[in-house]
Amino acid sequence: MGIEDIELDVGGTKFKGIYIAILFSFASTLGGGIWAASEFFSRLEGLEETVSESLSNSELVNQRFEDFRESWTDDKKIIVSDIEVAKTQIQDAGIPELQGKLATLGTNLETILERQQELLAIQDRIIAVEQKITEMQVTVQKAENSVEKVDGVDDKIKKLEREVEDLWNGLDYLSNPYGSN
């Protein structure tokens, strides 16, 4: 008894063994295609969430970077002003008053050094923020590239859907070749 000898009667229509084998082959292929499409769309949703989070984080980091830059500019102006004041005091200072002026200058220089340390700390933070921005830009670029790839896959899925529909039409014809609808 071979596969040709198997016969299945469904609603008055008899299917021979080879047609049953073909039907099971198409059904398993269709099921695999549906599973692959489901897995693909699941991954695509994950990428969309990642892109959204990256964009919101990038905007927040950009705002913080601008705040740091403004603070750094203001501190720099203060230090430059303090240096100009120190220069003026040195020029105006006379030799007999030099001891008192040196003490004031020492205090001003300590203040300047403190401010400079603050600026260096701010500069380090700005560098770290710029690195994070660069990393986020890379992440956003990767997400954009993934979205572009998804557009190509969408066309392939449409083609596969059309082929599956054609296969079903062929199966319908094979099951009833005389066309009594």
N, C-alpha and C. Protein backbone atom coordinates (compact mmCIF):
# COMPACT_ATOMS: atom_id res chain seq x y z
N MET A 1 0.86 -1.18 0.00
CA MET A 1 0.00 0.00 0.00
C MET A 1 0.90 1.24 0.00
N GLY A 2 0.84 2.01 -1.04
CA GLY A 2 1.65 3.22 -1.17
C GLY A 2 0.80 4.45 -0.94
N ILE A 3 1.42 5.60 -1.06
CA ILE A 3 0.72 6.86 -0.83
C ILE A 3 -0.37 7.09 -1.88
N GLU A 4 -0.19 6.49 -3.08
CA GLU A 4 -1.19 6.65 -4.13
C GLU A 4 -2.50 5.96 -3.76
N ASP A 5 -2.41 4.91 -2.92
CA ASP A 5 -3.58 4.11 -2.57
C ASP A 5 -4.43 4.75 -1.47
N ILE A 6 -3.87 5.72 -0.75
CA ILE A 6 -4.61 6.36 0.35
C ILE A 6 -5.64 7.30 -0.25
N GLU A 7 -6.84 7.25 0.31
CA GLU A 7 -7.90 8.10 -0.20
C GLU A 7 -8.68 8.66 0.99
N LEU A 8 -8.98 9.96 0.97
CA LEU A 8 -9.70 10.62 2.06
C LEU A 8 -10.97 11.24 1.48
N ASP A 9 -12.12 10.93 2.13
CA ASP A 9 -13.41 11.42 1.65
C ASP A 9 -13.84 12.55 2.58
N VAL A 10 -13.90 13.79 2.07
CA VAL A 10 -14.30 14.95 2.87
C VAL A 10 -15.49 15.59 2.18
N GLY A 11 -16.67 15.49 2.81
CA GLY A 11 -17.89 16.13 2.29
C GLY A 11 -18.22 15.67 0.88
N GLY A 12 -17.99 14.43 0.57
CA GLY A 12 -18.32 13.92 -0.74
C GLY A 12 -17.21 14.11 -1.76
N THR A 13 -16.15 14.82 -1.41
CA THR A 13 -15.02 15.00 -2.31
C THR A 13 -13.91 14.06 -1.86
N LYS A 14 -13.38 13.31 -2.81
CA LYS A 14 -12.34 12.34 -2.47
C LYS A 14 -10.98 12.94 -2.83
N PHE A 15 -10.06 12.84 -1.86
CA PHE A 15 -8.70 13.31 -2.06
C PHE A 15 -7.77 12.11 -2.09
N LYS A 16 -6.93 12.05 -3.09
CA LYS A 16 -5.97 10.94 -3.18
C LYS A 16 -4.74 11.28 -2.36
N GLY A 17 -3.95 10.27 -2.08
CA GLY A 17 -2.78 10.39 -1.20
C GLY A 17 -1.82 11.49 -1.59
N ILE A 18 -1.53 11.64 -2.87
CA ILE A 18 -0.57 12.66 -3.30
C ILE A 18 -1.09 14.06 -3.04
N TYR A 19 -2.42 14.27 -3.22
CA TYR A 19 -3.00 15.59 -2.95
C TYR A 19 -2.96 15.90 -1.46
N ILE A 20 -3.16 14.88 -0.65
CA ILE A 20 -3.07 15.08 0.82
C ILE A 20 -1.65 15.48 1.19
N ALA A 21 -0.65 14.81 0.60
CA ALA A 21 0.75 15.13 0.89
C ALA A 21 1.07 16.56 0.46
N ILE A 22 0.57 16.95 -0.72
CA ILE A 22 0.82 18.32 -1.19
C ILE A 22 0.15 19.33 -0.27
N LEU A 23 -1.08 19.02 0.15
CA LEU A 23 -1.81 19.91 1.05
C LEU A 23 -1.06 20.10 2.37
N PHE A 24 -0.57 18.99 2.93
CA PHE A 24 0.20 19.11 4.19
C PHE A 24 1.50 19.87 3.98
N SER A 25 2.13 19.70 2.83
CA SER A 25 3.37 20.43 2.53
C SER A 25 3.10 21.94 2.48
N PHE A 26 2.03 22.34 1.76
CA PHE A 26 1.70 23.76 1.69
C PHE A 26 1.29 24.32 3.04
N ALA A 27 0.55 23.53 3.80
CA ALA A 27 0.08 23.99 5.11
C ALA A 27 1.26 24.23 6.05
N SER A 28 2.24 23.32 6.05
CA SER A 28 3.39 23.51 6.94
C SER A 28 4.23 24.70 6.50
N THR A 29 4.37 24.90 5.18
CA THR A 29 5.12 26.06 4.67
C THR A 29 4.42 27.36 5.06
N LEU A 30 3.11 27.39 4.90
CA LEU A 30 2.33 28.57 5.27
C LEU A 30 2.44 28.86 6.76
N GLY A 31 2.36 27.82 7.57
CA GLY A 31 2.49 28.01 9.02
C GLY A 31 3.86 28.56 9.39
N GLY A 32 4.92 28.05 8.74
CA GLY A 32 6.27 28.57 9.00
C GLY A 32 6.39 30.03 8.60
N GLY A 33 5.79 30.38 7.48
CA GLY A 33 5.84 31.78 7.03
C GLY A 33 5.12 32.70 8.00
N ILE A 34 4.00 32.26 8.50
CA ILE A 34 3.25 33.08 9.47
C ILE A 34 4.07 33.24 10.74
N TRP A 35 4.71 32.19 11.21
CA TRP A 35 5.52 32.27 12.43
C TRP A 35 6.69 33.25 12.21
N ALA A 36 7.36 33.15 11.06
CA ALA A 36 8.50 34.05 10.78
C ALA A 36 8.04 35.50 10.73
N ALA A 37 6.89 35.77 10.12
CA ALA A 37 6.37 37.14 10.06
C ALA A 37 6.06 37.65 11.47
N SER A 38 5.49 36.80 12.29
CA SER A 38 5.17 37.20 13.67
C SER A 38 6.44 37.54 14.44
N GLU A 39 7.46 36.72 14.31
CA GLU A 39 8.74 36.97 14.98
C GLU A 39 9.37 38.28 14.48
N PHE A 40 9.29 38.51 13.19
CA PHE A 40 9.86 39.73 12.62
C PHE A 40 9.17 40.97 13.17
N PHE A 41 7.83 40.96 13.18
CA PHE A 41 7.11 42.14 13.67
C PHE A 41 7.34 42.35 15.16
N SER A 42 7.55 41.28 15.91
CA SER A 42 7.85 41.42 17.33
C SER A 42 9.18 42.13 17.53
N ARG A 43 10.17 41.74 16.74
CA ARG A 43 11.48 42.40 16.82
C ARG A 43 11.39 43.85 16.37
N LEU A 44 10.61 44.10 15.36
CA LEU A 44 10.44 45.47 14.86
C LEU A 44 9.84 46.37 15.93
N GLU A 45 8.87 45.88 16.68
CA GLU A 45 8.28 46.69 17.76
C GLU A 45 9.33 47.01 18.82
N GLY A 46 10.19 46.05 19.12
CA GLY A 46 11.27 46.31 20.08
C GLY A 46 12.20 47.41 19.59
N LEU A 47 12.53 47.39 18.31
CA LEU A 47 13.39 48.43 17.75
C LEU A 47 12.72 49.80 17.80
N GLU A 48 11.43 49.85 17.53
CA GLU A 48 10.71 51.13 17.58
C GLU A 48 10.74 51.70 19.00
N GLU A 49 10.58 50.86 20.00
CA GLU A 49 10.62 51.34 21.39
C GLU A 49 12.01 51.87 21.71
N THR A 50 13.04 51.16 21.26
CA THR A 50 14.42 51.60 21.51
C THR A 50 14.69 52.94 20.86
N VAL A 51 14.22 53.12 19.64
CA VAL A 51 14.42 54.40 18.93
C VAL A 51 13.72 55.53 19.68
N SER A 52 12.50 55.29 20.12
CA SER A 52 11.76 56.33 20.85
C SER A 52 12.48 56.72 22.14
N GLU A 53 12.95 55.72 22.87
CA GLU A 53 13.67 56.00 24.12
C GLU A 53 14.96 56.76 23.84
N SER A 54 15.68 56.36 22.79
CA SER A 54 16.93 57.03 22.45
C SER A 54 16.71 58.48 22.07
N LEU A 55 15.65 58.75 21.32
CA LEU A 55 15.36 60.12 20.93
C LEU A 55 15.03 61.00 22.13
N SER A 56 14.23 60.48 23.05
CA SER A 56 13.88 61.27 24.23
C SER A 56 15.11 61.50 25.10
N ASN A 57 15.95 60.46 25.24
CA ASN A 57 17.19 60.62 26.02
C ASN A 57 18.13 61.62 25.35
N SER A 58 18.19 61.59 24.03
CA SER A 58 19.05 62.51 23.30
C SER A 58 18.62 63.96 23.51
N GLU A 59 17.32 64.21 23.49
CA GLU A 59 16.82 65.58 23.72
C GLU A 59 17.16 66.06 25.13
N LEU A 60 17.01 65.17 26.11
CA LEU A 60 17.33 65.52 27.50
C LEU A 60 18.81 65.83 27.65
N VAL A 61 19.66 65.01 27.04
CA VAL A 61 21.11 65.22 27.13
C VAL A 61 21.49 66.52 26.42
N ASN A 62 20.87 66.80 25.29
CA ASN A 62 21.16 68.05 24.58
C ASN A 62 20.81 69.26 25.45
N GLN A 63 19.68 69.21 26.13
CA GLN A 63 19.29 70.32 27.00
C GLN A 63 20.29 70.48 28.15
N ARG A 64 20.68 69.36 28.75
CA ARG A 64 21.67 69.43 29.84
C ARG A 64 23.00 69.96 29.34
N PHE A 65 23.39 69.56 28.14
CA PHE A 65 24.64 70.04 27.56
C PHE A 65 24.60 71.55 27.38
N GLU A 66 23.48 72.06 26.88
CA GLU A 66 23.34 73.51 26.72
C GLU A 66 23.39 74.22 28.07
N ASP A 67 22.77 73.64 29.08
CA ASP A 67 22.83 74.22 30.43
C ASP A 67 24.27 74.27 30.94
N PHE A 68 25.02 73.18 30.72
CA PHE A 68 26.42 73.15 31.15
C PHE A 68 27.23 74.19 30.39
N ARG A 69 26.96 74.30 29.10
CA ARG A 69 27.71 75.26 28.29
C ARG A 69 27.45 76.69 28.77
N GLU A 70 26.21 77.03 29.07
CA GLU A 70 25.89 78.38 29.57
C GLU A 70 26.58 78.63 30.91
N SER A 71 26.53 77.65 31.78
CA SER A 71 27.18 77.78 33.10
C SER A 71 28.68 77.96 32.92
N TRP A 72 29.26 77.19 32.03
CA TRP A 72 30.69 77.27 31.79
C TRP A 72 31.06 78.64 31.22
N THR A 73 30.27 79.16 30.32
CA THR A 73 30.52 80.48 29.73
C THR A 73 30.44 81.57 30.79
N ASP A 74 29.42 81.48 31.65
CA ASP A 74 29.28 82.47 32.72
C ASP A 74 30.48 82.43 33.67
N ASP A 75 30.90 81.24 34.05
CA ASP A 75 32.06 81.11 34.95
C ASP A 75 33.33 81.62 34.29
N LYS A 76 33.46 81.37 33.00
CA LYS A 76 34.63 81.84 32.27
C LYS A 76 34.68 83.38 32.26
N LYS A 77 33.52 84.02 32.07
CA LYS A 77 33.47 85.48 32.09
C LYS A 77 33.88 86.03 33.45
N ILE A 78 33.42 85.36 34.50
CA ILE A 78 33.78 85.80 35.86
C ILE A 78 35.28 85.69 36.07
N ILE A 79 35.87 84.59 35.64
CA ILE A 79 37.31 84.40 35.83
C ILE A 79 38.10 85.42 35.02
N VAL A 80 37.68 85.66 33.80
CA VAL A 80 38.37 86.67 32.98
C VAL A 80 38.26 88.04 33.64
N SER A 81 37.09 88.31 34.19
CA SER A 81 36.91 89.59 34.89
C SER A 81 37.82 89.67 36.10
N ASP A 82 37.90 88.57 36.86
CA ASP A 82 38.79 88.55 38.03
C ASP A 82 40.25 88.75 37.62
N ILE A 83 40.64 88.17 36.51
CA ILE A 83 42.02 88.34 36.02
C ILE A 83 42.28 89.79 35.63
N GLU A 84 41.31 90.39 34.97
CA GLU A 84 41.46 91.79 34.59
C GLU A 84 41.58 92.69 35.83
N VAL A 85 40.77 92.38 36.83
CA VAL A 85 40.85 93.15 38.09
C VAL A 85 42.23 92.98 38.71
N ALA A 86 42.73 91.74 38.70
CA ALA A 86 44.05 91.49 39.27
C ALA A 86 45.13 92.25 38.51
N LYS A 87 45.03 92.27 37.19
CA LYS A 87 46.01 93.02 36.39
C LYS A 87 45.97 94.51 36.73
N THR A 88 44.76 95.03 36.85
CA THR A 88 44.61 96.45 37.17
C THR A 88 45.22 96.76 38.55
N GLN A 89 44.96 95.88 39.50
CA GLN A 89 45.50 96.10 40.85
C GLN A 89 47.02 96.05 40.85
N ILE A 90 47.58 95.15 40.06
CA ILE A 90 49.04 95.06 40.00
C ILE A 90 49.62 96.33 39.39
N GLN A 91 49.01 96.85 38.36
CA GLN A 91 49.51 98.06 37.71
C GLN A 91 49.38 99.29 38.62
N ASP A 92 48.28 99.33 39.35
CA ASP A 92 48.04 100.48 40.22
C ASP A 92 48.85 100.40 41.52
N ALA A 93 49.32 99.21 41.83
CA ALA A 93 50.02 99.04 43.11
C ALA A 93 51.38 99.73 43.09
N GLY A 94 51.69 100.34 44.17
CA GLY A 94 53.01 100.95 44.31
C GLY A 94 53.93 99.99 45.05
N ILE A 95 55.21 100.28 45.02
CA ILE A 95 56.19 99.44 45.68
C ILE A 95 55.97 99.40 47.19
N PRO A 96 55.74 100.53 47.91
CA PRO A 96 55.56 100.45 49.38
C PRO A 96 54.30 99.65 49.76
N GLU A 97 53.30 99.64 48.93
CA GLU A 97 52.05 98.94 49.25
C GLU A 97 52.05 97.50 48.72
N LEU A 98 53.16 97.07 48.22
CA LEU A 98 53.23 95.78 47.56
C LEU A 98 52.84 94.61 48.47
N GLN A 99 53.22 94.66 49.76
CA GLN A 99 52.91 93.54 50.67
C GLN A 99 51.39 93.35 50.79
N GLY A 100 50.68 94.42 51.02
CA GLY A 100 49.22 94.33 51.13
C GLY A 100 48.59 93.90 49.81
N LYS A 101 49.07 94.44 48.74
CA LYS A 101 48.56 94.09 47.44
C LYS A 101 48.84 92.62 47.10
N LEU A 102 50.02 92.12 47.51
CA LEU A 102 50.35 90.72 47.26
C LEU A 102 49.39 89.79 48.01
N ALA A 103 49.02 90.19 49.22
CA ALA A 103 48.07 89.37 49.99
C ALA A 103 46.70 89.32 49.28
N THR A 104 46.24 90.48 48.81
CA THR A 104 44.97 90.54 48.09
C THR A 104 45.06 89.74 46.80
N LEU A 105 46.17 89.90 46.13
CA LEU A 105 46.38 89.17 44.89
C LEU A 105 46.38 87.66 45.14
N GLY A 106 47.03 87.25 46.23
CA GLY A 106 47.04 85.83 46.59
C GLY A 106 45.62 85.30 46.79
N THR A 107 44.79 86.10 47.47
CA THR A 107 43.39 85.70 47.68
C THR A 107 42.65 85.60 46.36
N ASN A 108 42.88 86.62 45.51
CA ASN A 108 42.23 86.60 44.19
C ASN A 108 42.69 85.39 43.37
N LEU A 109 43.97 85.08 43.44
CA LEU A 109 44.49 83.93 42.70
C LEU A 109 43.90 82.62 43.23
N GLU A 110 43.72 82.53 44.53
CA GLU A 110 43.10 81.33 45.10
C GLU A 110 41.66 81.19 44.58
N THR A 111 40.97 82.32 44.54
CA THR A 111 39.60 82.29 44.01
C THR A 111 39.60 81.86 42.54
N ILE A 112 40.55 82.41 41.80
CA ILE A 112 40.65 82.05 40.39
C ILE A 112 40.96 80.55 40.25
N LEU A 113 41.87 80.05 41.05
CA LEU A 113 42.20 78.62 40.98
C LEU A 113 40.99 77.75 41.33
N GLU A 114 40.22 78.18 42.30
CA GLU A 114 39.00 77.43 42.65
C GLU A 114 38.03 77.43 41.46
N ARG A 115 37.87 78.60 40.88
CA ARG A 115 36.97 78.70 39.72
C ARG A 115 37.49 77.87 38.54
N GLN A 116 38.81 77.89 38.38
CA GLN A 116 39.39 77.11 37.31
C GLN A 116 39.15 75.62 37.54
N GLN A 117 39.28 75.17 38.78
CA GLN A 117 38.99 73.76 39.09
C GLN A 117 37.53 73.44 38.77
N GLU A 118 36.64 74.38 39.11
CA GLU A 118 35.23 74.18 38.79
C GLU A 118 35.03 74.08 37.28
N LEU A 119 35.72 74.96 36.54
CA LEU A 119 35.62 74.92 35.09
C LEU A 119 36.16 73.61 34.51
N LEU A 120 37.25 73.13 35.08
CA LEU A 120 37.80 71.86 34.61
C LEU A 120 36.82 70.72 34.87
N ALA A 121 36.18 70.75 36.03
CA ALA A 121 35.18 69.73 36.34
C ALA A 121 34.00 69.83 35.36
N ILE A 122 33.58 71.06 35.08
CA ILE A 122 32.48 71.27 34.12
C ILE A 122 32.92 70.82 32.73
N GLN A 123 34.16 71.11 32.37
CA GLN A 123 34.66 70.69 31.06
C GLN A 123 34.65 69.16 30.96
N ASP A 124 35.07 68.47 32.02
CA ASP A 124 35.03 67.00 32.02
C ASP A 124 33.60 66.49 31.84
N ARG A 125 32.66 67.14 32.52
CA ARG A 125 31.26 66.74 32.38
C ARG A 125 30.77 66.99 30.95
N ILE A 126 31.18 68.10 30.36
CA ILE A 126 30.78 68.41 28.99
C ILE A 126 31.33 67.35 28.03
N ILE A 127 32.57 66.96 28.23
CA ILE A 127 33.17 65.92 27.38
C ILE A 127 32.40 64.62 27.52
N ALA A 128 32.04 64.26 28.76
CA ALA A 128 31.27 63.03 28.99
C ALA A 128 29.90 63.12 28.30
N VAL A 129 29.27 64.29 28.40
CA VAL A 129 27.96 64.47 27.77
C VAL A 129 28.10 64.38 26.25
N GLU A 130 29.15 64.98 25.68
CA GLU A 130 29.37 64.90 24.24
C GLU A 130 29.57 63.45 23.80
N GLN A 131 30.28 62.67 24.60
CA GLN A 131 30.47 61.25 24.28
C GLN A 131 29.12 60.52 24.29
N LYS A 132 28.31 60.81 25.30
CA LYS A 132 27.00 60.16 25.38
C LYS A 132 26.13 60.56 24.20
N ILE A 133 26.20 61.82 23.80
CA ILE A 133 25.43 62.29 22.65
C ILE A 133 25.88 61.54 21.39
N THR A 134 27.18 61.40 21.24
CA THR A 134 27.71 60.67 20.08
C THR A 134 27.22 59.22 20.08
N GLU A 135 27.25 58.59 21.25
CA GLU A 135 26.75 57.21 21.36
C GLU A 135 25.27 57.14 21.01
N MET A 136 24.50 58.11 21.48
CA MET A 136 23.07 58.12 21.20
C MET A 136 22.81 58.36 19.71
N GLN A 137 23.64 59.21 19.09
CA GLN A 137 23.48 59.45 17.67
C GLN A 137 23.75 58.17 16.88
N VAL A 138 24.76 57.41 17.33
CA VAL A 138 25.06 56.13 16.68
C VAL A 138 23.87 55.18 16.83
N THR A 139 23.28 55.14 18.05
CA THR A 139 22.13 54.28 18.30
C THR A 139 20.95 54.69 17.41
N VAL A 140 20.71 55.98 17.32
CA VAL A 140 19.62 56.47 16.48
C VAL A 140 19.89 56.12 15.01
N GLN A 141 21.15 56.25 14.57
CA GLN A 141 21.49 55.91 13.18
C GLN A 141 21.26 54.43 12.93
N LYS A 142 21.63 53.58 13.90
CA LYS A 142 21.40 52.14 13.75
C LYS A 142 19.90 51.87 13.65
N ALA A 143 19.12 52.55 14.48
CA ALA A 143 17.67 52.34 14.44
C ALA A 143 17.10 52.79 13.11
N GLU A 144 17.59 53.92 12.58
CA GLU A 144 17.11 54.39 11.28
C GLU A 144 17.47 53.39 10.18
N ASN A 145 18.68 52.82 10.27
CA ASN A 145 19.10 51.81 9.29
C ASN A 145 18.19 50.58 9.39
N SER A 146 17.84 50.19 10.60
CA SER A 146 16.95 49.04 10.79
C SER A 146 15.58 49.31 10.19
N VAL A 147 15.09 50.54 10.38
CA VAL A 147 13.78 50.89 9.82
C VAL A 147 13.84 50.85 8.29
N GLU A 148 14.95 51.28 7.69
CA GLU A 148 15.09 51.22 6.24
C GLU A 148 15.08 49.77 5.76
N LYS A 149 15.74 48.89 6.52
CA LYS A 149 15.75 47.48 6.16
C LYS A 149 14.35 46.89 6.25
N VAL A 150 13.59 47.36 7.22
CA VAL A 150 12.22 46.86 7.41
C VAL A 150 11.37 47.20 6.19
N ASP A 151 11.57 48.35 5.60
CA ASP A 151 10.81 48.74 4.42
C ASP A 151 11.04 47.73 3.29
N GLY A 152 12.28 47.25 3.11
CA GLY A 152 12.56 46.25 2.08
C GLY A 152 11.91 44.92 2.41
N VAL A 153 11.89 44.56 3.67
CA VAL A 153 11.28 43.30 4.08
C VAL A 153 9.77 43.35 3.87
N ASP A 154 9.18 44.50 4.05
CA ASP A 154 7.73 44.64 3.84
C ASP A 154 7.36 44.28 2.41
N ASP A 155 8.15 44.72 1.44
CA ASP A 155 7.89 44.37 0.04
C ASP A 155 8.00 42.87 -0.17
N LYS A 156 8.98 42.25 0.47
CA LYS A 156 9.14 40.80 0.33
C LYS A 156 7.95 40.07 0.94
N ILE A 157 7.45 40.56 2.05
CA ILE A 157 6.29 39.93 2.70
C ILE A 157 5.07 40.04 1.79
N LYS A 158 4.88 41.19 1.16
CA LYS A 158 3.76 41.36 0.23
C LYS A 158 3.86 40.37 -0.93
N LYS A 159 5.07 40.17 -1.43
CA LYS A 159 5.28 39.24 -2.52
C LYS A 159 4.95 37.82 -2.05
N LEU A 160 5.40 37.46 -0.84
CA LEU A 160 5.10 36.14 -0.30
C LEU A 160 3.60 35.95 -0.10
N GLU A 161 2.92 36.98 0.36
CA GLU A 161 1.47 36.88 0.54
C GLU A 161 0.78 36.65 -0.81
N ARG A 162 1.24 37.32 -1.84
CA ARG A 162 0.67 37.15 -3.17
C ARG A 162 0.94 35.73 -3.67
N GLU A 163 2.15 35.20 -3.42
CA GLU A 163 2.47 33.85 -3.85
C GLU A 163 1.62 32.83 -3.10
N VAL A 164 1.40 33.03 -1.80
CA VAL A 164 0.58 32.12 -1.01
C VAL A 164 -0.85 32.15 -1.54
N GLU A 165 -1.35 33.31 -1.88
CA GLU A 165 -2.71 33.43 -2.42
C GLU A 165 -2.81 32.69 -3.75
N ASP A 166 -1.79 32.81 -4.59
CA ASP A 166 -1.76 32.09 -5.86
C ASP A 166 -1.73 30.58 -5.63
N LEU A 167 -0.97 30.15 -4.62
CA LEU A 167 -0.91 28.72 -4.30
C LEU A 167 -2.27 28.22 -3.83
N TRP A 168 -2.95 29.01 -3.02
CA TRP A 168 -4.28 28.61 -2.56
C TRP A 168 -5.25 28.52 -3.75
N ASN A 169 -5.17 29.47 -4.64
CA ASN A 169 -6.01 29.43 -5.83
C ASN A 169 -5.72 28.17 -6.65
N GLY A 170 -4.43 27.81 -6.74
CA GLY A 170 -4.05 26.60 -7.45
C GLY A 170 -4.59 25.36 -6.76
N LEU A 171 -4.52 25.35 -5.43
CA LEU A 171 -5.07 24.22 -4.68
C LEU A 171 -6.58 24.14 -4.87
N ASP A 172 -7.24 25.28 -4.87
CA ASP A 172 -8.68 25.27 -5.11
C ASP A 172 -8.98 24.69 -6.49
N TYR A 173 -8.20 25.06 -7.47
CA TYR A 173 -8.41 24.54 -8.81
C TYR A 173 -8.15 23.05 -8.86
N LEU A 174 -7.06 22.60 -8.17
CA LEU A 174 -6.73 21.18 -8.17
C LEU A 174 -7.80 20.36 -7.46
N SER A 175 -8.39 20.93 -6.42
CA SER A 175 -9.42 20.19 -5.70
C SER A 175 -10.70 20.10 -6.51
N ASN A 176 -10.95 21.03 -7.41
CA ASN A 176 -12.17 21.01 -8.22
C ASN A 176 -11.80 21.57 -9.61
N PRO A 177 -11.18 20.76 -10.45
CA PRO A 177 -10.69 21.27 -11.72
C PRO A 177 -11.79 21.64 -12.71
N TYR A 178 -13.03 21.17 -12.48
CA TYR A 178 -14.11 21.46 -13.41
C TYR A 178 -14.76 22.80 -13.12
N GLY A 179 -14.37 23.44 -12.04
CA GLY A 179 -14.77 24.81 -11.75
C GLY A 179 -16.20 25.00 -11.34
N SER A 180 -16.83 24.05 -10.71
CA SER A 180 -18.20 24.29 -10.24
C SER A 180 -18.13 25.01 -8.92
N ASN A 181 -18.38 26.29 -8.92
CA ASN A 181 -18.24 27.12 -7.72
C ASN A 181 -19.47 27.06 -6.90
